[in-house]
Amino acid sequence: MTTIVDVCGLTKRYDGGFEALKNVDLSIAQGEIIALLGPNGAGKTTLISTICGITRATEGTVTIGGHDNVTEFRAARNLVGLVPQEINLEPFEKVINTVRFSRGLFGKAPNDAYLEKVLRSLSLWDKKDSKIMELSGGMKRRVLIAKALSHEPRVLFLDEPTAGVDVELRKDMWDVVADLKKDGVTIILTTHYIEEAEAIADRIGVIAKGEILLVENKDDLMTRMGQKTLKVDLATPVTTIPDVLKDYDLVIEGDGLLYSYDTKTDRTGITGLLADLQKAGLKMTDLQTRQSSLEEIFVSLVAQREDAA
């Protein structure tokens, strides 16, 4: 696939020596959705700001659509739409005028038909003549997205786009993102809602302390690093693990036992476990399996990084 954003050796060092970004390399393909996950202070917003040219890198380069974001700033920035974390809108201005103004800032000719399409896709058309101050927090976030899309960018950065938005609006925004992808827009989002990344992203990037720990296809990541857990429901609950089952590292949960195993190994140990359950005189009533969630994988990666630091 064609690379539309290419980040090479990006470092951001502040006065005093603090490094917010440390030699970051990242290539983003045209038309993909990539989610950047990381704890507070990991460097997510700094990375987005530096790619967009708002923050100046200490070292390294960024190209967007083949344009260097320093030496060809205007050409690179014209390809980018940015939805910031902070809601910073003129409270007394109407929605439609706010979006028209943003389009004009990029030198685009008026196109109310396109802006109507954007506002309708964000369920804002019936609010077009409302003042910003009259909108809910969720609607204001939608206006931020409309502003970012007003000049028809090919790359859209969403920095915590659904923070403070209720579940229904969040899922509506997921649908909007999916439609943008169908139109060929490349989307990079940061989020604290791991289910958001799990629901809409093609690739997952994990960042901690200014370093990219990994960037990988979401499904491949969950297959490679995910474990499965077998839940064995028992007819008669136990309070202690029988000696014959000690080697399985079982956990008692409710009326049953939990057994974690690695899907990548040739032998999962399940066959032996079931046989030994019978030897222990335990009667099973049901078996269930579940895959490790992206949240569990994320927490594990960040913990490993902190332990190594």
C-alpha atoms as a PDB file:
ATOM      1  CA  MET A   1       0.000   0.000   0.000  1.00  0.00           C
ATOM      2  CA  THR A   2       1.057   3.599  -0.617  1.00  0.00           C
ATOM      3  CA  THR A   3       2.587   5.364   2.394  1.00  0.00           C
ATOM      4  CA  ILE A   4       0.968   8.755   3.020  1.00  0.00           C
ATOM      5  CA  VAL A   5       2.628   9.684   6.361  1.00  0.00           C
ATOM      6  CA  ASP A   6       6.268   8.814   6.964  1.00  0.00           C
ATOM      7  CA  VAL A   7       7.960   9.616  10.280  1.00  0.00           C
ATOM      8  CA  CYS A   8      11.703   9.000  10.565  1.00  0.00           C
ATOM      9  CA  GLY A   9      13.839   9.366  13.709  1.00  0.00           C
ATOM     10  CA  LEU A  10      11.482  11.886  15.301  1.00  0.00           C
ATOM     11  CA  THR A  11      12.760  13.310  18.582  1.00  0.00           C
ATOM     12  CA  LYS A  12      11.294  16.161  20.613  1.00  0.00           C
ATOM     13  CA  ARG A  13      13.553  17.465  23.361  1.00  0.00           C
ATOM     14  CA  TYR A  14      12.553  20.387  25.572  1.00  0.00           C
ATOM     15  CA  ASP A  15      14.770  22.843  27.436  1.00  0.00           C
ATOM     16  CA  GLY A  16      16.088  21.015  30.461  1.00  0.00           C
ATOM     17  CA  GLY A  17      16.647  17.799  28.528  1.00  0.00           C
ATOM     18  CA  PHE A  18      13.232  16.127  28.810  1.00  0.00           C
ATOM     19  CA  GLU A  19      12.537  13.983  25.737  1.00  0.00           C
ATOM     20  CA  ALA A  20       8.823  13.781  24.925  1.00  0.00           C
ATOM     21  CA  LEU A  21       9.581  11.719  21.791  1.00  0.00           C
ATOM     22  CA  LYS A  22      12.564   9.426  21.351  1.00  0.00           C
ATOM     23  CA  ASN A  23      13.647   8.474  17.829  1.00  0.00           C
ATOM     24  CA  VAL A  24      10.145   7.574  16.638  1.00  0.00           C
ATOM     25  CA  ASP A  25       9.728   5.795  13.292  1.00  0.00           C
ATOM     26  CA  LEU A  26       6.222   5.340  11.904  1.00  0.00           C
ATOM     27  CA  SER A  27       4.832   4.709   8.421  1.00  0.00           C
ATOM     28  CA  ILE A  28       1.103   5.065   7.811  1.00  0.00           C
ATOM     29  CA  ALA A  29      -0.560   3.694   4.696  1.00  0.00           C
ATOM     30  CA  GLN A  30      -3.098   5.574   2.653  1.00  0.00           C
ATOM     31  CA  GLY A  31      -6.655   4.714   3.666  1.00  0.00           C
ATOM     32  CA  GLU A  32      -5.889   2.884   6.902  1.00  0.00           C
ATOM     33  CA  ILE A  33      -7.068   3.550  10.447  1.00  0.00           C
ATOM     34  CA  ILE A  34      -4.314   3.403  13.044  1.00  0.00           C
ATOM     35  CA  ALA A  35      -4.963   3.807  16.761  1.00  0.00           C
ATOM     36  CA  LEU A  36      -2.229   5.075  19.078  1.00  0.00           C
ATOM     37  CA  LEU A  37      -2.623   3.785  22.623  1.00  0.00           C
ATOM     38  CA  GLY A  38      -0.631   4.957  25.605  1.00  0.00           C
ATOM     39  CA  PRO A  39      -0.980   6.155  29.186  1.00  0.00           C
ATOM     40  CA  ASN A  40      -1.151   9.848  30.089  1.00  0.00           C
ATOM     41  CA  GLY A  41       2.163  11.534  29.302  1.00  0.00           C
ATOM     42  CA  ALA A  42       3.196   8.826  26.841  1.00  0.00           C
ATOM     43  CA  GLY A  43       3.760  11.335  24.023  1.00  0.00           C
ATOM     44  CA  LYS A  44       0.627  10.740  21.912  1.00  0.00           C
ATOM     45  CA  THR A  45      -0.416  14.383  21.602  1.00  0.00           C
ATOM     46  CA  THR A  46       3.191  15.528  21.114  1.00  0.00           C
ATOM     47  CA  LEU A  47       3.573  13.037  18.263  1.00  0.00           C
ATOM     48  CA  ILE A  48       0.406  14.233  16.543  1.00  0.00           C
ATOM     49  CA  SER A  49       1.317  17.904  17.050  1.00  0.00           C
ATOM     50  CA  THR A  50       4.779  17.334  15.603  1.00  0.00           C
ATOM     51  CA  ILE A  51       3.494  15.449  12.573  1.00  0.00           C
ATOM     52  CA  CYS A  52       0.986  18.263  11.917  1.00  0.00           C
ATOM     53  CA  GLY A  53       3.739  20.878  12.228  1.00  0.00           C
ATOM     54  CA  ILE A  54       2.308  22.571  15.311  1.00  0.00           C
ATOM     55  CA  THR A  55       5.316  21.500  17.375  1.00  0.00           C
ATOM     56  CA  ARG A  56       8.822  21.668  15.892  1.00  0.00           C
ATOM     57  CA  ALA A  57      10.861  18.464  16.109  1.00  0.00           C
ATOM     58  CA  THR A  58      14.344  18.554  17.615  1.00  0.00           C
ATOM     59  CA  GLU A  59      15.512  15.796  15.270  1.00  0.00           C
ATOM     60  CA  GLY A  60      14.013  13.685  12.504  1.00  0.00           C
ATOM     61  CA  THR A  61      11.705  14.258   9.545  1.00  0.00           C
ATOM     62  CA  VAL A  62       8.024  13.968   8.684  1.00  0.00           C
ATOM     63  CA  THR A  63       6.571  13.769   5.187  1.00  0.00           C
ATOM     64  CA  ILE A  64       2.861  13.855   4.370  1.00  0.00           C
ATOM     65  CA  GLY A  65       1.879  12.889   0.856  1.00  0.00           C
ATOM     66  CA  GLY A  66       5.550  13.228  -0.080  1.00  0.00           C
ATOM     67  CA  HIS A  67       5.800  16.792   1.303  1.00  0.00           C
ATOM     68  CA  ASP A  68       8.227  17.596   4.120  1.00  0.00           C
ATOM     69  CA  ASN A  69       6.226  19.178   6.938  1.00  0.00           C
ATOM     70  CA  VAL A  70       8.933  21.814   7.553  1.00  0.00           C
ATOM     71  CA  THR A  71      10.308  22.787   4.140  1.00  0.00           C
ATOM     72  CA  GLU A  72       6.951  22.250   2.386  1.00  0.00           C
ATOM     73  CA  PHE A  73       4.713  23.078   5.322  1.00  0.00           C
ATOM     74  CA  ARG A  74       1.787  24.557   3.395  1.00  0.00           C
ATOM     75  CA  ALA A  75       1.483  21.636   0.962  1.00  0.00           C
ATOM     76  CA  ALA A  76       1.790  19.106   3.793  1.00  0.00           C
ATOM     77  CA  ARG A  77      -0.666  20.906   6.082  1.00  0.00           C
ATOM     78  CA  ASN A  78      -3.288  21.204   3.349  1.00  0.00           C
ATOM     79  CA  LEU A  79      -3.544  17.412   3.346  1.00  0.00           C
ATOM     80  CA  VAL A  80      -4.200  17.245   7.097  1.00  0.00           C
ATOM     81  CA  GLY A  81      -7.251  17.701   9.274  1.00  0.00           C
ATOM     82  CA  LEU A  82      -6.765  17.840  13.045  1.00  0.00           C
ATOM     83  CA  VAL A  83      -9.351  17.331  15.778  1.00  0.00           C
ATOM     84  CA  PRO A  84      -7.694  18.448  19.045  1.00  0.00           C
ATOM     85  CA  GLN A  85      -8.529  17.268  22.553  1.00  0.00           C
ATOM     86  CA  GLU A  86      -9.604  20.696  23.734  1.00  0.00           C
ATOM     87  CA  ILE A  87     -12.927  22.171  22.681  1.00  0.00           C
ATOM     88  CA  ASN A  88     -11.926  25.674  21.611  1.00  0.00           C
ATOM     89  CA  LEU A  89     -14.748  27.201  19.581  1.00  0.00           C
ATOM     90  CA  GLU A  90     -16.213  30.700  19.252  1.00  0.00           C
ATOM     91  CA  PRO A  91     -19.321  30.371  21.479  1.00  0.00           C
ATOM     92  CA  PHE A  92     -21.434  33.048  19.746  1.00  0.00           C
ATOM     93  CA  GLU A  93     -20.794  31.874  16.172  1.00  0.00           C
ATOM     94  CA  LYS A  94     -23.194  29.659  14.225  1.00  0.00           C
ATOM     95  CA  VAL A  95     -22.154  26.118  13.344  1.00  0.00           C
ATOM     96  CA  ILE A  96     -22.281  26.663   9.573  1.00  0.00           C
ATOM     97  CA  ASN A  97     -20.214  29.852   9.761  1.00  0.00           C
ATOM     98  CA  THR A  98     -17.635  28.143  11.973  1.00  0.00           C
ATOM     99  CA  VAL A  99     -17.146  25.420   9.383  1.00  0.00           C
ATOM    100  CA  ARG A 100     -17.138  27.852   6.446  1.00  0.00           C
ATOM    101  CA  PHE A 101     -14.436  29.919   8.154  1.00  0.00           C
ATOM    102  CA  SER A 102     -12.203  26.865   8.643  1.00  0.00           C
ATOM    103  CA  ARG A 103     -12.535  25.977   4.961  1.00  0.00           C
ATOM    104  CA  GLY A 104     -11.596  29.526   3.999  1.00  0.00           C
ATOM    105  CA  LEU A 105      -8.459  29.425   6.156  1.00  0.00           C
ATOM    106  CA  PHE A 106      -7.065  26.779   3.791  1.00  0.00           C
ATOM    107  CA  GLY A 107      -7.807  28.880   0.742  1.00  0.00           C
ATOM    108  CA  LYS A 108     -10.602  26.609  -0.465  1.00  0.00           C
ATOM    109  CA  ALA A 109     -13.370  28.068  -2.620  1.00  0.00           C
ATOM    110  CA  PRO A 110     -16.835  28.132  -1.001  1.00  0.00           C
ATOM    111  CA  ASN A 111     -18.667  24.818  -1.368  1.00  0.00           C
ATOM    112  CA  ASP A 112     -21.813  24.701   0.714  1.00  0.00           C
ATOM    113  CA  ALA A 113     -22.897  21.432  -0.906  1.00  0.00           C
ATOM    114  CA  TYR A 114     -19.786  19.704   0.463  1.00  0.00           C
ATOM    115  CA  LEU A 115     -20.187  21.305   3.887  1.00  0.00           C
ATOM    116  CA  GLU A 116     -23.807  20.167   3.980  1.00  0.00           C
ATOM    117  CA  LYS A 117     -22.635  16.604   3.282  1.00  0.00           C
ATOM    118  CA  VAL A 118     -20.127  16.823   6.142  1.00  0.00           C
ATOM    119  CA  LEU A 119     -22.657  18.264   8.594  1.00  0.00           C
ATOM    120  CA  ARG A 120     -25.271  15.670   7.649  1.00  0.00           C
ATOM    121  CA  SER A 121     -22.769  12.841   8.140  1.00  0.00           C
ATOM    122  CA  LEU A 122     -22.139  14.152  11.658  1.00  0.00           C
ATOM    123  CA  SER A 123     -25.858  14.674  12.427  1.00  0.00           C
ATOM    124  CA  LEU A 124     -25.242  18.421  12.612  1.00  0.00           C
ATOM    125  CA  TRP A 125     -27.277  19.684   9.685  1.00  0.00           C
ATOM    126  CA  ASP A 126     -30.323  20.497  11.822  1.00  0.00           C
ATOM    127  CA  LYS A 127     -27.972  22.485  14.112  1.00  0.00           C
ATOM    128  CA  LYS A 128     -26.304  24.470  11.326  1.00  0.00           C
ATOM    129  CA  ASP A 129     -27.870  27.770  12.417  1.00  0.00           C
ATOM    130  CA  SER A 130     -27.409  27.139  16.143  1.00  0.00           C
ATOM    131  CA  LYS A 131     -24.784  29.032  18.100  1.00  0.00           C
ATOM    132  CA  ILE A 132     -21.920  26.936  19.446  1.00  0.00           C
ATOM    133  CA  MET A 133     -22.865  27.884  23.011  1.00  0.00           C
ATOM    134  CA  GLU A 134     -26.240  26.188  22.527  1.00  0.00           C
ATOM    135  CA  LEU A 135     -24.736  22.785  21.754  1.00  0.00           C
ATOM    136  CA  SER A 136     -24.008  19.862  24.074  1.00  0.00           C
ATOM    137  CA  GLY A 137     -20.425  18.739  24.659  1.00  0.00           C
ATOM    138  CA  GLY A 138     -20.870  15.825  22.260  1.00  0.00           C
ATOM    139  CA  MET A 139     -22.226  18.092  19.529  1.00  0.00           C
ATOM    140  CA  LYS A 140     -19.308  20.500  20.008  1.00  0.00           C
ATOM    141  CA  ARG A 141     -16.922  17.617  19.401  1.00  0.00           C
ATOM    142  CA  ARG A 142     -18.782  16.866  16.186  1.00  0.00           C
ATOM    143  CA  VAL A 143     -18.276  20.497  15.150  1.00  0.00           C
ATOM    144  CA  LEU A 144     -14.537  20.050  15.726  1.00  0.00           C
ATOM    145  CA  ILE A 145     -14.587  17.076  13.350  1.00  0.00           C
ATOM    146  CA  ALA A 146     -16.605  19.077  10.791  1.00  0.00           C
ATOM    147  CA  LYS A 147     -14.029  21.906  10.992  1.00  0.00           C
ATOM    148  CA  ALA A 148     -11.202  19.400  10.468  1.00  0.00           C
ATOM    149  CA  LEU A 149     -12.956  17.959   7.401  1.00  0.00           C
ATOM    150  CA  SER A 150     -13.992  21.321   5.943  1.00  0.00           C
ATOM    151  CA  HIS A 151     -11.006  21.607   3.571  1.00  0.00           C
ATOM    152  CA  GLU A 152     -11.271  17.989   2.315  1.00  0.00           C
ATOM    153  CA  PRO A 153      -8.101  16.578   3.912  1.00  0.00           C
ATOM    154  CA  ARG A 154      -6.703  13.170   3.010  1.00  0.00           C
ATOM    155  CA  VAL A 155      -5.283  12.538   6.494  1.00  0.00           C
ATOM    156  CA  LEU A 156      -7.379  13.061   9.628  1.00  0.00           C
ATOM    157  CA  PHE A 157      -5.876  13.164  13.122  1.00  0.00           C
ATOM    158  CA  LEU A 158      -8.302  12.555  15.987  1.00  0.00           C
ATOM    159  CA  ASP A 159      -6.802  13.302  19.398  1.00  0.00           C
ATOM    160  CA  GLU A 160      -9.125  11.698  21.969  1.00  0.00           C
ATOM    161  CA  PRO A 161     -12.152  12.383  19.733  1.00  0.00           C
ATOM    162  CA  THR A 162     -14.766  10.754  21.967  1.00  0.00           C
ATOM    163  CA  ALA A 163     -13.561  11.968  25.364  1.00  0.00           C
ATOM    164  CA  GLY A 164     -16.594  12.974  27.405  1.00  0.00           C
ATOM    165  CA  VAL A 165     -19.006  11.677  24.775  1.00  0.00           C
ATOM    166  CA  ASP A 166     -21.741   9.233  25.764  1.00  0.00           C
ATOM    167  CA  VAL A 167     -21.717   5.666  24.443  1.00  0.00           C
ATOM    168  CA  GLU A 168     -24.370   6.276  21.781  1.00  0.00           C
ATOM    169  CA  LEU A 169     -22.567   9.287  20.302  1.00  0.00           C
ATOM    170  CA  ARG A 170     -19.267   7.412  20.482  1.00  0.00           C
ATOM    171  CA  LYS A 171     -20.631   4.599  18.356  1.00  0.00           C
ATOM    172  CA  ASP A 172     -22.099   7.130  15.925  1.00  0.00           C
ATOM    173  CA  MET A 173     -18.613   8.597  15.544  1.00  0.00           C
ATOM    174  CA  TRP A 174     -17.218   5.132  14.860  1.00  0.00           C
ATOM    175  CA  ASP A 175     -19.669   4.929  11.948  1.00  0.00           C
ATOM    176  CA  VAL A 176     -18.485   8.327  10.703  1.00  0.00           C
ATOM    177  CA  VAL A 177     -14.866   7.148  10.833  1.00  0.00           C
ATOM    178  CA  ALA A 178     -15.776   3.986   8.903  1.00  0.00           C
ATOM    179  CA  ASP A 179     -17.442   6.089   6.196  1.00  0.00           C
ATOM    180  CA  LEU A 180     -14.397   8.362   5.957  1.00  0.00           C
ATOM    181  CA  LYS A 181     -12.209   5.315   5.444  1.00  0.00           C
ATOM    182  CA  LYS A 182     -14.487   4.210   2.585  1.00  0.00           C
ATOM    183  CA  ASP A 183     -13.783   7.595   1.000  1.00  0.00           C
ATOM    184  CA  GLY A 184     -10.044   6.894   1.210  1.00  0.00           C
ATOM    185  CA  VAL A 185      -9.271   9.163   4.167  1.00  0.00           C
ATOM    186  CA  THR A 186      -6.381   8.007   6.346  1.00  0.00           C
ATOM    187  CA  ILE A 187      -7.216   8.235  10.053  1.00  0.00           C
ATOM    188  CA  ILE A 188      -4.852   8.367  13.030  1.00  0.00           C
ATOM    189  CA  LEU A 189      -6.542   8.471  16.404  1.00  0.00           C
ATOM    190  CA  THR A 190      -5.395   8.514  19.991  1.00  0.00           C
ATOM    191  CA  THR A 191      -7.782   7.140  22.546  1.00  0.00           C
ATOM    192  CA  HIS A 192      -8.102   6.008  26.147  1.00  0.00           C
ATOM    193  CA  TYR A 193     -11.060   3.819  25.177  1.00  0.00           C
ATOM    194  CA  ILE A 194      -9.375   0.589  24.211  1.00  0.00           C
ATOM    195  CA  GLU A 195     -12.654  -0.854  22.935  1.00  0.00           C
ATOM    196  CA  GLU A 196     -12.632   2.034  20.446  1.00  0.00           C
ATOM    197  CA  ALA A 197      -9.315   0.890  18.987  1.00  0.00           C
ATOM    198  CA  GLU A 198     -10.499  -2.704  19.038  1.00  0.00           C
ATOM    199  CA  ALA A 199     -13.689  -1.765  17.189  1.00  0.00           C
ATOM    200  CA  ILE A 200     -12.407   0.436  14.353  1.00  0.00           C
ATOM    201  CA  ALA A 201      -8.601   0.294  13.935  1.00  0.00           C
ATOM    202  CA  ASP A 202      -6.715  -1.662  11.286  1.00  0.00           C
ATOM    203  CA  ARG A 203      -3.420  -1.331  13.147  1.00  0.00           C
ATOM    204  CA  ILE A 204      -2.527  -0.629  16.752  1.00  0.00           C
ATOM    205  CA  GLY A 205       0.445   1.429  17.894  1.00  0.00           C
ATOM    206  CA  VAL A 206       1.475   1.394  21.539  1.00  0.00           C
ATOM    207  CA  ILE A 207       3.514   4.342  22.831  1.00  0.00           C
ATOM    208  CA  ALA A 208       5.021   4.802  26.286  1.00  0.00           C
ATOM    209  CA  LYS A 209       7.505   7.370  27.584  1.00  0.00           C
ATOM    210  CA  GLY A 210       7.986   8.820  24.113  1.00  0.00           C
ATOM    211  CA  GLU A 211       8.839   5.518  22.437  1.00  0.00           C
ATOM    212  CA  ILE A 212       6.824   3.385  20.047  1.00  0.00           C
ATOM    213  CA  LEU A 213       6.727  -0.084  21.605  1.00  0.00           C
ATOM    214  CA  LEU A 214       5.095  -1.680  18.602  1.00  0.00           C
ATOM    215  CA  VAL A 215       2.880  -1.041  15.591  1.00  0.00           C
ATOM    216  CA  GLU A 216       1.060  -4.097  14.349  1.00  0.00           C
ATOM    217  CA  ASN A 217      -2.042  -5.297  12.581  1.00  0.00           C
ATOM    218  CA  LYS A 218      -4.742  -5.515  15.238  1.00  0.00           C
ATOM    219  CA  ASP A 219      -5.791  -9.081  14.491  1.00  0.00           C
ATOM    220  CA  ASP A 220      -2.190 -10.285  14.228  1.00  0.00           C
ATOM    221  CA  LEU A 221      -1.329  -8.597  17.523  1.00  0.00           C
ATOM    222  CA  MET A 222      -4.192 -10.233  19.359  1.00  0.00           C
ATOM    223  CA  THR A 223      -3.322 -13.621  17.866  1.00  0.00           C
ATOM    224  CA  ARG A 224       0.393 -13.270  18.621  1.00  0.00           C
ATOM    225  CA  MET A 225       0.152 -11.922  22.141  1.00  0.00           C
ATOM    226  CA  GLY A 226      -3.306 -12.988  23.235  1.00  0.00           C
ATOM    227  CA  GLN A 227      -3.955 -15.887  25.536  1.00  0.00           C
ATOM    228  CA  LYS A 228      -7.153 -17.824  25.883  1.00  0.00           C
ATOM    229  CA  THR A 229      -8.846 -18.680  29.127  1.00  0.00           C
ATOM    230  CA  LEU A 230     -10.895 -21.832  29.649  1.00  0.00           C
ATOM    231  CA  LYS A 231     -13.689 -21.542  32.209  1.00  0.00           C
ATOM    232  CA  VAL A 232     -14.739 -24.902  33.679  1.00  0.00           C
ATOM    233  CA  ASP A 233     -18.086 -24.757  35.471  1.00  0.00           C
ATOM    234  CA  LEU A 234     -18.430 -27.364  38.214  1.00  0.00           C
ATOM    235  CA  ALA A 235     -21.521 -29.078  39.585  1.00  0.00           C
ATOM    236  CA  THR A 236     -20.068 -28.667  43.080  1.00  0.00           C
ATOM    237  CA  PRO A 237     -17.878 -25.596  43.732  1.00  0.00           C
ATOM    238  CA  VAL A 238     -14.461 -26.050  45.340  1.00  0.00           C
ATOM    239  CA  THR A 239     -12.654 -23.850  47.844  1.00  0.00           C
ATOM    240  CA  THR A 240      -9.181 -25.314  47.266  1.00  0.00           C
ATOM    241  CA  ILE A 241      -7.423 -26.766  44.218  1.00  0.00           C
ATOM    242  CA  PRO A 242      -7.038 -30.597  44.444  1.00  0.00           C
ATOM    243  CA  ASP A 243      -3.429 -31.812  44.500  1.00  0.00           C
ATOM    244  CA  VAL A 244      -3.811 -33.634  41.181  1.00  0.00           C
ATOM    245  CA  LEU A 245      -4.520 -30.240  39.529  1.00  0.00           C
ATOM    246  CA  LYS A 246      -1.735 -28.207  41.182  1.00  0.00           C
ATOM    247  CA  ASP A 247       0.443 -28.124  38.038  1.00  0.00           C
ATOM    248  CA  TYR A 248      -2.200 -26.311  35.970  1.00  0.00           C
ATOM    249  CA  ASP A 249      -2.049 -22.963  37.811  1.00  0.00           C
ATOM    250  CA  LEU A 250      -5.825 -22.841  38.082  1.00  0.00           C
ATOM    251  CA  VAL A 251      -7.801 -19.974  39.590  1.00  0.00           C
ATOM    252  CA  ILE A 252     -11.075 -20.448  41.439  1.00  0.00           C
ATOM    253  CA  GLU A 253     -13.812 -18.173  40.143  1.00  0.00           C
ATOM    254  CA  GLY A 254     -17.401 -18.508  41.337  1.00  0.00           C
ATOM    255  CA  ASP A 255     -18.665 -22.019  40.715  1.00  0.00           C
ATOM    256  CA  GLY A 256     -15.751 -22.991  38.510  1.00  0.00           C
ATOM    257  CA  LEU A 257     -12.078 -22.900  37.604  1.00  0.00           C
ATOM    258  CA  LEU A 258     -10.121 -20.738  35.190  1.00  0.00           C
ATOM    259  CA  TYR A 259      -7.271 -22.128  33.102  1.00  0.00           C
ATOM    260  CA  SER A 260      -5.108 -19.837  30.908  1.00  0.00           C
ATOM    261  CA  TYR A 261      -3.229 -21.263  27.943  1.00  0.00           C
ATOM    262  CA  ASP A 262      -1.187 -20.078  24.987  1.00  0.00           C
ATOM    263  CA  THR A 263      -2.790 -20.630  21.592  1.00  0.00           C
ATOM    264  CA  LYS A 264       0.615 -20.570  19.851  1.00  0.00           C
ATOM    265  CA  THR A 265       1.956 -23.728  21.487  1.00  0.00           C
ATOM    266  CA  ASP A 266       1.514 -27.225  20.074  1.00  0.00           C
ATOM    267  CA  ARG A 267       0.036 -28.465  23.335  1.00  0.00           C
ATOM    268  CA  THR A 268      -2.460 -26.411  25.298  1.00  0.00           C
ATOM    269  CA  GLY A 269      -2.751 -28.863  28.186  1.00  0.00           C
ATOM    270  CA  ILE A 270      -6.535 -28.909  27.946  1.00  0.00           C
ATOM    271  CA  THR A 271      -6.788 -32.645  27.235  1.00  0.00           C
ATOM    272  CA  GLY A 272      -4.718 -33.480  30.311  1.00  0.00           C
ATOM    273  CA  LEU A 273      -6.662 -30.992  32.430  1.00  0.00           C
ATOM    274  CA  LEU A 274     -10.011 -32.550  31.540  1.00  0.00           C
ATOM    275  CA  ALA A 275      -8.690 -36.032  32.304  1.00  0.00           C
ATOM    276  CA  ASP A 276      -7.281 -34.907  35.655  1.00  0.00           C
ATOM    277  CA  LEU A 277     -10.555 -33.187  36.555  1.00  0.00           C
ATOM    278  CA  GLN A 278     -12.208 -36.592  36.302  1.00  0.00           C
ATOM    279  CA  LYS A 279      -9.465 -38.145  38.438  1.00  0.00           C
ATOM    280  CA  ALA A 280     -10.132 -35.499  41.063  1.00  0.00           C
ATOM    281  CA  GLY A 281     -13.799 -36.486  41.082  1.00  0.00           C
ATOM    282  CA  LEU A 282     -14.966 -33.062  39.820  1.00  0.00           C
ATOM    283  CA  LYS A 283     -18.060 -33.064  37.611  1.00  0.00           C
ATOM    284  CA  MET A 284     -18.143 -30.462  34.844  1.00  0.00           C
ATOM    285  CA  THR A 285     -21.383 -28.772  33.801  1.00  0.00           C
ATOM    286  CA  ASP A 286     -20.055 -26.405  31.118  1.00  0.00           C
ATOM    287  CA  LEU A 287     -16.908 -25.217  29.314  1.00  0.00           C
ATOM    288  CA  GLN A 288     -16.310 -21.711  27.940  1.00  0.00           C
ATOM    289  CA  THR A 289     -13.307 -20.022  26.321  1.00  0.00           C
ATOM    290  CA  ARG A 290     -12.455 -16.350  25.865  1.00  0.00           C
ATOM    291  CA  GLN A 291      -9.635 -14.489  24.122  1.00  0.00           C
ATOM    292  CA  SER A 292      -7.461 -11.957  25.908  1.00  0.00           C
ATOM    293  CA  SER A 293      -8.731  -8.457  25.196  1.00  0.00           C
ATOM    294  CA  LEU A 294      -6.701  -5.678  23.629  1.00  0.00           C
ATOM    295  CA  GLU A 295      -6.816  -3.929  27.006  1.00  0.00           C
ATOM    296  CA  GLU A 296      -5.027  -6.822  28.702  1.00  0.00           C
ATOM    297  CA  ILE A 297      -2.372  -6.868  25.960  1.00  0.00           C
ATOM    298  CA  PHE A 298      -1.893  -3.089  26.223  1.00  0.00           C
ATOM    299  CA  VAL A 299      -1.525  -3.157  30.013  1.00  0.00           C
ATOM    300  CA  SER A 300       1.006  -5.983  29.726  1.00  0.00           C
ATOM    301  CA  LEU A 301       3.129  -4.131  27.142  1.00  0.00           C
ATOM    302  CA  VAL A 302       3.223  -0.900  29.131  1.00  0.00           C
ATOM    303  CA  ALA A 303       4.066  -2.786  32.326  1.00  0.00           C
ATOM    304  CA  GLN A 304       6.952  -4.536  30.553  1.00  0.00           C
ATOM    305  CA  ARG A 305       8.269  -1.151  29.337  1.00  0.00           C
ATOM    306  CA  GLU A 306       8.094   0.329  32.853  1.00  0.00           C
ATOM    307  CA  ASP A 307       9.817  -2.700  34.348  1.00  0.00           C
ATOM    308  CA  ALA A 308      12.633  -2.392  31.821  1.00  0.00           C
ATOM    309  CA  ALA A 309      13.110   1.335  32.460  1.00  0.00           C
END
